Amino acid sequence: MKKQHLDITEPAAKLVQELKTKHGELIFHQSGGCCDGSSPMIFPKEDMFLNETDILLGTVEGVNFYMNQDQYEYWKHTHLTVDITKGRGSSFSLEIPTGFRFIIRSRLLTEEEI
């Protein structure tokens, strides 16, 4: 089985759990669009419509994380970590009212990971 190259920090995991308690099943998506579109966003599972251009990268805190295929081409050689930072994004992501926003921290994969 291929190793998942996706993790989540403890503060981000705590926020995901709070959002799951409030909103039920969730889904992460990173589209690669302009502005906040290149940030990971979290939505109620039933509000996100996926298609053949969305790639499942893995699961964090029981939430599937998808990335648009075009965006994935830029990130496929990296290990991604979902984190949070103070501030408000300009998207419809569920964390916006909390005063935090999700961000991605990345590093290149090692030769062993590739």
C-alpha atoms as a PDB file:
ATOM      1  CA  MET A   1       0.000   0.000   0.000  1.00  0.00           C
ATOM      2  CA  LYS A   2       1.302   3.458  -0.936  1.00  0.00           C
ATOM      3  CA  LYS A   3       2.166   5.680   2.032  1.00  0.00           C
ATOM      4  CA  GLN A   4       0.054   8.770   2.459  1.00  0.00           C
ATOM      5  CA  HIS A   5       2.072  11.986   2.056  1.00  0.00           C
ATOM      6  CA  LEU A   6      -0.404  14.017   4.071  1.00  0.00           C
ATOM      7  CA  ASP A   7      -0.448  14.924   7.761  1.00  0.00           C
ATOM      8  CA  ILE A   8      -2.166  17.381  10.060  1.00  0.00           C
ATOM      9  CA  THR A   9      -0.869  19.392  13.008  1.00  0.00           C
ATOM     10  CA  GLU A  10      -2.398  19.015  16.450  1.00  0.00           C
ATOM     11  CA  PRO A  11      -4.023  22.500  16.441  1.00  0.00           C
ATOM     12  CA  ALA A  12      -5.514  21.882  12.987  1.00  0.00           C
ATOM     13  CA  ALA A  13      -6.765  18.445  14.075  1.00  0.00           C
ATOM     14  CA  LYS A  14      -8.486  20.011  17.076  1.00  0.00           C
ATOM     15  CA  LEU A  15     -10.219  22.548  14.832  1.00  0.00           C
ATOM     16  CA  VAL A  16     -11.329  19.792  12.441  1.00  0.00           C
ATOM     17  CA  GLN A  17     -12.857  17.876  15.362  1.00  0.00           C
ATOM     18  CA  GLU A  18     -14.726  21.007  16.503  1.00  0.00           C
ATOM     19  CA  LEU A  19     -16.056  21.537  12.987  1.00  0.00           C
ATOM     20  CA  LYS A  20     -17.091  17.874  12.708  1.00  0.00           C
ATOM     21  CA  THR A  21     -19.028  18.177  15.976  1.00  0.00           C
ATOM     22  CA  LYS A  22     -20.840  21.241  14.686  1.00  0.00           C
ATOM     23  CA  HIS A  23     -21.336  20.315  11.002  1.00  0.00           C
ATOM     24  CA  GLY A  24     -21.155  16.505  10.742  1.00  0.00           C
ATOM     25  CA  GLU A  25     -19.222  14.748   7.958  1.00  0.00           C
ATOM     26  CA  LEU A  26     -16.705  16.995   6.220  1.00  0.00           C
ATOM     27  CA  ILE A  27     -14.464  17.081   3.170  1.00  0.00           C
ATOM     28  CA  PHE A  28     -11.225  18.981   2.475  1.00  0.00           C
ATOM     29  CA  HIS A  29     -10.619  20.339  -1.009  1.00  0.00           C
ATOM     30  CA  GLN A  30      -7.762  22.348  -2.492  1.00  0.00           C
ATOM     31  CA  SER A  31      -8.600  23.617  -5.954  1.00  0.00           C
ATOM     32  CA  GLY A  32      -5.601  25.632  -7.022  1.00  0.00           C
ATOM     33  CA  GLY A  33      -7.675  28.606  -8.093  1.00  0.00           C
ATOM     34  CA  CYS A  34      -6.695  32.177  -7.452  1.00  0.00           C
ATOM     35  CA  CYS A  35      -6.748  33.891  -4.069  1.00  0.00           C
ATOM     36  CA  ASP A  36      -7.882  31.473  -1.343  1.00  0.00           C
ATOM     37  CA  GLY A  37      -8.569  28.750  -3.918  1.00  0.00           C
ATOM     38  CA  SER A  38      -5.026  27.507  -3.434  1.00  0.00           C
ATOM     39  CA  SER A  39      -5.631  27.048   0.305  1.00  0.00           C
ATOM     40  CA  PRO A  40      -7.236  23.933   1.732  1.00  0.00           C
ATOM     41  CA  MET A  41     -10.926  24.481   2.393  1.00  0.00           C
ATOM     42  CA  ILE A  42     -13.276  22.362   4.442  1.00  0.00           C
ATOM     43  CA  PHE A  43     -16.953  21.918   3.658  1.00  0.00           C
ATOM     44  CA  PRO A  44     -19.883  19.763   4.730  1.00  0.00           C
ATOM     45  CA  LYS A  45     -19.454  16.542   2.772  1.00  0.00           C
ATOM     46  CA  GLU A  46     -22.809  16.874   1.008  1.00  0.00           C
ATOM     47  CA  ASP A  47     -21.980  20.423  -0.171  1.00  0.00           C
ATOM     48  CA  MET A  48     -18.888  19.446  -2.171  1.00  0.00           C
ATOM     49  CA  PHE A  49     -19.332  17.984  -5.626  1.00  0.00           C
ATOM     50  CA  LEU A  50     -16.275  16.129  -6.875  1.00  0.00           C
ATOM     51  CA  ASN A  51     -15.518  15.077 -10.416  1.00  0.00           C
ATOM     52  CA  GLU A  52     -12.851  13.174 -12.333  1.00  0.00           C
ATOM     53  CA  THR A  53     -10.383  16.059 -11.945  1.00  0.00           C
ATOM     54  CA  ASP A  54     -10.277  15.687  -8.140  1.00  0.00           C
ATOM     55  CA  ILE A  55      -7.664  13.370  -6.624  1.00  0.00           C
ATOM     56  CA  LEU A  56      -7.971  11.821  -3.152  1.00  0.00           C
ATOM     57  CA  LEU A  57      -4.636  12.454  -1.415  1.00  0.00           C
ATOM     58  CA  GLY A  58      -5.549  10.805   1.863  1.00  0.00           C
ATOM     59  CA  THR A  59      -7.467  11.255   5.069  1.00  0.00           C
ATOM     60  CA  VAL A  60      -6.748  13.467   8.078  1.00  0.00           C
ATOM     61  CA  GLU A  61      -8.873  13.286  11.232  1.00  0.00           C
ATOM     62  CA  GLY A  62     -11.339  11.085   9.380  1.00  0.00           C
ATOM     63  CA  VAL A  63     -11.813  13.699   6.649  1.00  0.00           C
ATOM     64  CA  ASN A  64     -10.936  12.904   3.033  1.00  0.00           C
ATOM     65  CA  PHE A  65      -8.578  15.440   1.447  1.00  0.00           C
ATOM     66  CA  TYR A  66      -8.970  16.054  -2.284  1.00  0.00           C
ATOM     67  CA  MET A  67      -6.912  18.211  -4.609  1.00  0.00           C
ATOM     68  CA  ASN A  68      -7.652  19.327  -8.129  1.00  0.00           C
ATOM     69  CA  GLN A  69      -5.609  17.360 -10.660  1.00  0.00           C
ATOM     70  CA  ASP A  70      -3.902  20.465 -12.099  1.00  0.00           C
ATOM     71  CA  GLN A  71      -2.881  21.626  -8.609  1.00  0.00           C
ATOM     72  CA  TYR A  72      -1.666  18.110  -7.782  1.00  0.00           C
ATOM     73  CA  GLU A  73       0.799  18.248 -10.685  1.00  0.00           C
ATOM     74  CA  TYR A  74       2.624  21.050  -8.832  1.00  0.00           C
ATOM     75  CA  TRP A  75       2.490  19.310  -5.428  1.00  0.00           C
ATOM     76  CA  LYS A  76       2.999  15.620  -6.275  1.00  0.00           C
ATOM     77  CA  HIS A  77       6.637  15.644  -5.112  1.00  0.00           C
ATOM     78  CA  THR A  78       5.824  17.118  -1.709  1.00  0.00           C
ATOM     79  CA  HIS A  79       4.693  15.988   1.702  1.00  0.00           C
ATOM     80  CA  LEU A  80       1.762  18.158   2.786  1.00  0.00           C
ATOM     81  CA  THR A  81       0.815  19.098   6.325  1.00  0.00           C
ATOM     82  CA  VAL A  82      -2.532  20.733   7.044  1.00  0.00           C
ATOM     83  CA  ASP A  83      -2.087  23.494   9.628  1.00  0.00           C
ATOM     84  CA  ILE A  84      -3.933  26.602  10.797  1.00  0.00           C
ATOM     85  CA  THR A  85      -2.999  30.228  11.207  1.00  0.00           C
ATOM     86  CA  LYS A  86      -4.787  33.163  12.776  1.00  0.00           C
ATOM     87  CA  GLY A  87      -6.754  35.227  10.347  1.00  0.00           C
ATOM     88  CA  ARG A  88      -9.723  35.113   8.092  1.00  0.00           C
ATOM     89  CA  GLY A  89      -9.657  33.780   4.574  1.00  0.00           C
ATOM     90  CA  SER A  90     -11.983  35.028   1.869  1.00  0.00           C
ATOM     91  CA  SER A  91     -13.582  31.700   1.051  1.00  0.00           C
ATOM     92  CA  PHE A  92     -16.670  29.758   2.105  1.00  0.00           C
ATOM     93  CA  SER A  93     -14.608  27.333   4.195  1.00  0.00           C
ATOM     94  CA  LEU A  94     -16.239  26.373   7.509  1.00  0.00           C
ATOM     95  CA  GLU A  95     -13.370  27.562   9.726  1.00  0.00           C
ATOM     96  CA  ILE A  96     -13.711  31.216   8.666  1.00  0.00           C
ATOM     97  CA  PRO A  97     -15.915  32.297  11.652  1.00  0.00           C
ATOM     98  CA  THR A  98     -13.424  30.772  14.139  1.00  0.00           C
ATOM     99  CA  GLY A  99     -10.727  33.392  13.502  1.00  0.00           C
ATOM    100  CA  PHE A 100      -8.414  30.777  11.953  1.00  0.00           C
ATOM    101  CA  ARG A 101      -7.820  29.520   8.459  1.00  0.00           C
ATOM    102  CA  PHE A 102      -6.347  26.313   7.131  1.00  0.00           C
ATOM    103  CA  ILE A 103      -2.996  26.467   5.355  1.00  0.00           C
ATOM    104  CA  ILE A 104      -0.650  23.899   3.827  1.00  0.00           C
ATOM    105  CA  ARG A 105       2.939  23.481   4.888  1.00  0.00           C
ATOM    106  CA  SER A 106       4.991  21.471   2.442  1.00  0.00           C
ATOM    107  CA  ARG A 107       8.388  19.905   2.001  1.00  0.00           C
ATOM    108  CA  LEU A 108       9.896  17.949  -0.848  1.00  0.00           C
ATOM    109  CA  LEU A 109       9.650  14.183  -0.547  1.00  0.00           C
ATOM    110  CA  THR A 110      12.858  12.379   0.260  1.00  0.00           C
ATOM    111  CA  GLU A 111      14.234   9.776  -2.150  1.00  0.00           C
ATOM    112  CA  GLU A 112      13.016   7.053   0.225  1.00  0.00           C
ATOM    113  CA  GLU A 113       9.483   8.486   0.198  1.00  0.00           C
ATOM    114  CA  ILE A 114       9.368   8.691  -3.583  1.00  0.00           C
END
